[in-house]
Protein backbone atom coordinates (compact mmCIF):
# COMPACT_ATOMS: atom_id res chain seq x y z
CA MET A 1 -1.09 -71.63 -125.92
CA GLU A 2 -2.77 -70.13 -128.98
CA VAL A 3 -2.29 -66.41 -129.64
CA LYS A 4 -4.17 -64.29 -132.19
CA GLU A 5 -3.84 -60.63 -133.08
CA LEU A 6 -7.42 -59.54 -133.73
CA ARG A 7 -6.62 -55.92 -134.54
CA PRO A 8 -3.50 -53.78 -134.20
CA GLY A 9 -2.92 -53.55 -130.46
CA LEU A 10 -5.56 -56.16 -129.59
CA TRP A 11 -4.55 -59.75 -128.82
CA ARG A 12 -6.42 -62.77 -127.45
CA TRP A 13 -4.71 -65.89 -126.17
CA THR A 14 -5.97 -69.20 -124.85
CA ALA A 15 -4.33 -71.58 -122.40
CA SER A 16 -5.31 -74.69 -120.45
CA HIS A 17 -6.72 -73.88 -117.04
CA PRO A 18 -4.63 -75.72 -114.41
CA GLU A 19 -7.63 -76.43 -112.18
CA TRP A 20 -9.91 -77.80 -114.89
CA ASP A 21 -11.35 -81.30 -114.50
CA HIS A 22 -13.85 -83.29 -116.50
CA ALA A 23 -16.70 -82.40 -114.14
CA GLU A 24 -16.60 -78.74 -115.19
CA THR A 25 -19.38 -77.31 -117.35
CA TRP A 26 -16.73 -75.43 -119.36
CA GLY A 27 -13.82 -76.75 -121.40
CA PRO A 28 -10.16 -76.71 -120.37
CA GLU A 29 -9.15 -73.84 -122.68
CA VAL A 30 -9.82 -70.34 -121.35
CA ALA A 31 -9.02 -67.00 -122.94
CA SER A 32 -7.37 -63.76 -121.88
CA VAL A 33 -7.05 -60.42 -123.66
CA TYR A 34 -4.28 -57.82 -124.09
CA ALA A 35 -5.23 -54.41 -125.50
CA GLU A 36 -3.48 -51.12 -126.08
CA LEU A 37 -5.54 -48.01 -125.39
CA PRO A 38 -4.73 -44.31 -125.74
CA GLU A 39 -3.26 -43.92 -122.24
CA ALA A 40 -2.72 -47.47 -120.96
CA ALA A 41 -2.34 -51.11 -121.88
CA VAL A 42 -4.69 -53.61 -120.25
CA VAL A 43 -4.83 -57.35 -119.73
CA VAL A 44 -8.15 -58.99 -118.87
CA ASP A 45 -8.25 -62.17 -116.73
CA PRO A 46 -4.64 -63.12 -117.57
CA LEU A 47 -3.60 -66.77 -117.45
CA VAL A 48 0.08 -67.61 -117.92
CA PRO A 49 0.32 -71.06 -119.56
CA ASP A 50 2.23 -73.50 -117.37
CA ASP A 51 3.92 -75.19 -120.32
CA GLU A 52 4.98 -72.02 -122.17
CA GLU A 53 5.82 -69.51 -119.46
CA GLU A 54 9.06 -68.34 -121.05
CA ARG A 55 7.44 -67.73 -124.43
CA PHE A 56 4.51 -65.92 -122.82
CA TRP A 57 6.57 -63.59 -120.63
CA SER A 58 8.95 -62.80 -123.49
CA ALA A 59 6.05 -61.76 -125.72
CA LEU A 60 4.27 -59.72 -123.07
CA ASP A 61 7.52 -58.06 -121.98
CA ARG A 62 8.09 -57.02 -125.58
CA ASP A 63 4.60 -55.61 -126.04
CA VAL A 64 4.55 -53.73 -122.73
CA GLU A 65 7.95 -52.21 -123.46
CA ARG A 66 7.00 -51.27 -127.03
CA ALA A 67 3.72 -49.68 -125.96
CA GLY A 68 5.44 -47.63 -123.28
CA LEU A 69 2.15 -47.33 -121.38
CA PRO A 70 1.19 -48.13 -117.77
CA LEU A 71 -0.32 -51.61 -117.48
CA HIS A 72 -3.69 -52.26 -115.88
CA VAL A 73 -5.08 -55.69 -115.01
CA LEU A 74 -8.86 -55.92 -115.35
CA LEU A 75 -10.64 -58.74 -113.54
CA THR A 76 -14.10 -59.75 -114.74
CA VAL A 77 -15.00 -61.81 -111.66
CA HIS A 78 -13.09 -62.92 -108.56
CA TRP A 79 -12.81 -66.58 -109.53
CA HIS A 80 -10.86 -65.54 -112.65
CA GLU A 81 -7.85 -64.54 -110.52
CA ARG A 82 -5.72 -66.98 -112.54
CA SER A 83 -2.27 -65.35 -112.96
CA VAL A 84 -3.28 -61.85 -111.84
CA ALA A 85 -0.78 -61.71 -108.97
CA ALA A 86 2.15 -62.67 -111.21
CA VAL A 87 1.30 -59.99 -113.78
CA LEU A 88 0.83 -57.33 -111.11
CA ASP A 89 4.18 -58.17 -109.55
CA ARG A 90 6.16 -58.33 -112.79
CA TYR A 91 4.93 -55.03 -114.24
CA HIS A 92 3.93 -53.11 -111.09
CA ALA A 93 0.50 -52.96 -112.70
CA THR A 94 -2.75 -51.54 -111.36
CA LEU A 95 -5.63 -53.92 -110.58
CA TRP A 96 -9.31 -53.18 -111.21
CA ARG A 97 -11.84 -55.47 -109.55
CA PRO A 98 -15.62 -55.36 -110.03
CA GLU A 99 -16.18 -55.45 -106.26
CA HIS A 100 -14.35 -52.16 -105.75
CA GLN A 101 -14.92 -50.31 -109.03
CA GLY A 102 -12.09 -47.82 -108.88
CA PRO A 103 -11.24 -45.59 -111.85
CA LEU A 104 -10.73 -47.30 -115.20
CA PRO A 105 -8.19 -46.33 -117.86
CA ALA A 106 -9.43 -44.03 -120.60
CA GLY A 107 -11.01 -46.09 -123.35
CA VAL A 108 -12.54 -48.75 -121.07
CA HIS A 109 -16.20 -48.86 -120.06
CA ALA A 110 -17.47 -51.44 -117.56
CA GLU A 111 -20.98 -52.83 -117.17
CA VAL A 112 -21.22 -54.41 -113.71
CA VAL A 113 -23.70 -57.14 -112.71
CA LYS A 114 -24.33 -58.04 -109.07
CA GLY A 115 -25.51 -61.52 -108.10
CA SER A 116 -26.35 -62.84 -104.64
CA ASP A 117 -22.71 -63.35 -103.62
CA TRP A 118 -20.71 -62.33 -106.71
CA VAL A 119 -20.03 -59.28 -108.84
CA GLU A 120 -18.99 -59.51 -112.50
CA ALA A 121 -18.00 -56.94 -115.11
CA LEU A 122 -18.19 -56.82 -118.89
CA PHE A 123 -15.54 -54.52 -120.38
CA PHE A 124 -16.03 -52.49 -123.55
CA LEU A 125 -12.69 -51.52 -125.08
CA GLU A 126 -13.76 -48.42 -126.97
CA PRO A 127 -10.92 -48.02 -129.52
CA HIS A 128 -11.29 -51.66 -130.58
CA HIS A 129 -15.12 -51.82 -130.45
CA ALA A 130 -14.66 -55.02 -128.43
CA LEU A 131 -16.72 -56.36 -125.53
CA VAL A 132 -14.75 -58.66 -123.20
CA ALA A 133 -16.71 -61.15 -121.08
CA GLY A 134 -15.76 -63.50 -118.27
CA ASP A 135 -18.62 -65.93 -117.55
CA LEU A 136 -21.71 -63.81 -118.30
CA LEU A 137 -21.37 -64.61 -121.99
CA VAL A 138 -19.87 -67.72 -123.60
CA GLY A 139 -19.21 -68.64 -127.20
CA LYS A 140 -21.64 -71.11 -128.79
CA ASP A 141 -22.56 -72.11 -132.35
CA GLY A 142 -20.76 -69.17 -133.93
CA GLY A 143 -22.41 -66.67 -131.60
CA VAL A 144 -22.71 -66.12 -127.87
CA GLU A 145 -25.17 -66.99 -125.14
CA LEU A 146 -25.85 -66.08 -121.55
CA PRO A 147 -25.37 -69.50 -119.89
CA VAL A 148 -28.33 -69.56 -117.50
CA GLU A 149 -27.44 -73.10 -116.38
CA TRP A 150 -24.14 -71.82 -114.97
CA PHE A 151 -25.93 -69.61 -112.45
CA PRO A 152 -26.84 -70.84 -108.94
CA LYS A 153 -30.24 -72.54 -109.06
CA ASP A 154 -31.94 -69.75 -107.15
CA GLU A 155 -30.68 -67.16 -109.67
CA ARG A 156 -31.58 -68.89 -112.94
CA ALA A 157 -35.07 -67.41 -113.27
CA TRP A 158 -33.64 -63.95 -112.54
CA ALA A 159 -30.90 -64.46 -115.14
CA GLN A 160 -33.41 -65.53 -117.79
CA ASN A 161 -36.21 -63.07 -117.10
CA GLU A 162 -34.46 -59.99 -115.71
CA LEU A 163 -30.72 -60.06 -116.40
CA LYS A 164 -31.04 -60.81 -120.13
CA PRO A 165 -33.26 -57.81 -120.95
CA ASP A 166 -31.26 -55.61 -118.57
CA LEU A 167 -27.99 -56.42 -120.36
CA GLN A 168 -29.66 -56.02 -123.74
CA ASN A 169 -30.71 -52.49 -122.77
CA ARG A 170 -27.34 -51.59 -121.28
CA LEU A 171 -25.29 -52.85 -124.24
CA ALA A 172 -27.58 -51.66 -127.03
CA ALA A 173 -25.97 -48.22 -127.34
CA LEU A 174 -22.40 -49.52 -127.57
CA PRO A 175 -20.87 -49.92 -131.06
CA ILE A 176 -19.81 -53.53 -130.42
CA GLU A 177 -18.14 -55.36 -133.29
CA LEU A 178 -16.21 -58.08 -131.42
CA VAL A 179 -17.31 -60.16 -128.42
CA LEU A 180 -14.30 -61.76 -126.75
CA VAL A 181 -15.36 -64.51 -124.38
CA SER A 182 -13.32 -66.46 -121.86
CA HIS A 183 -15.03 -69.74 -122.72
CA GLY A 184 -15.67 -70.81 -126.31
CA GLU A 185 -14.95 -69.07 -129.60
CA PRO A 186 -15.10 -65.28 -129.88
CA VAL A 187 -17.38 -63.35 -132.22
CA LEU A 188 -15.16 -61.40 -134.61
CA LYS A 189 -17.79 -59.55 -136.66
CA ASP A 190 -21.33 -58.28 -136.16
CA GLY A 191 -20.96 -58.53 -132.38
CA ALA A 192 -23.96 -56.31 -131.69
CA ALA A 193 -26.19 -58.62 -133.73
CA ALA A 194 -24.83 -61.68 -131.91
CA LEU A 195 -25.62 -60.03 -128.58
CA GLN A 196 -29.12 -59.13 -129.74
CA ARG A 197 -29.79 -62.78 -130.57
CA ALA A 198 -28.30 -64.00 -127.29
CA LEU A 199 -30.17 -61.61 -125.03
CA SER A 200 -33.59 -61.38 -126.71
């Protein structure tokens, strides 16, 4: 497990996905995010590392207690369930799923994309100027990209020709400085410019 504090109250950690195998198009390390907001703390797509559970829970217990805020678990897409159930149970947290789109904590804005049989959300954490992505954006070559090849074959033309410009329009007004991806390295400065390059 690798943990980095990106800003006060904003942490990103990576851990090895237990179901990864060499046939996957993505690497074994996946990322999760913890953020403190004005009225809540949130974790996005949490994965508890199998080999460092005690260290992980101790750190998260400390942060949740220190923040003194209700905890919300935000899920980008249903196949990122990971350790969601364990976090919900331990902290009596509230779950937000893109399929249901209930109310979000103050300071979180979601952009939701609907595919043929999936729904995925990008989360903008307003106080941190950070966009958090599941699989719609991945880190590559110091920036990000929309991985068209990850989409079902019958959705790739739509992703390239319609989804890219749609996301570009939807994200253009947000003051994005960081892009925190689940797969690959995050963008820690000039996030809006990185998104412009990826989606144009």
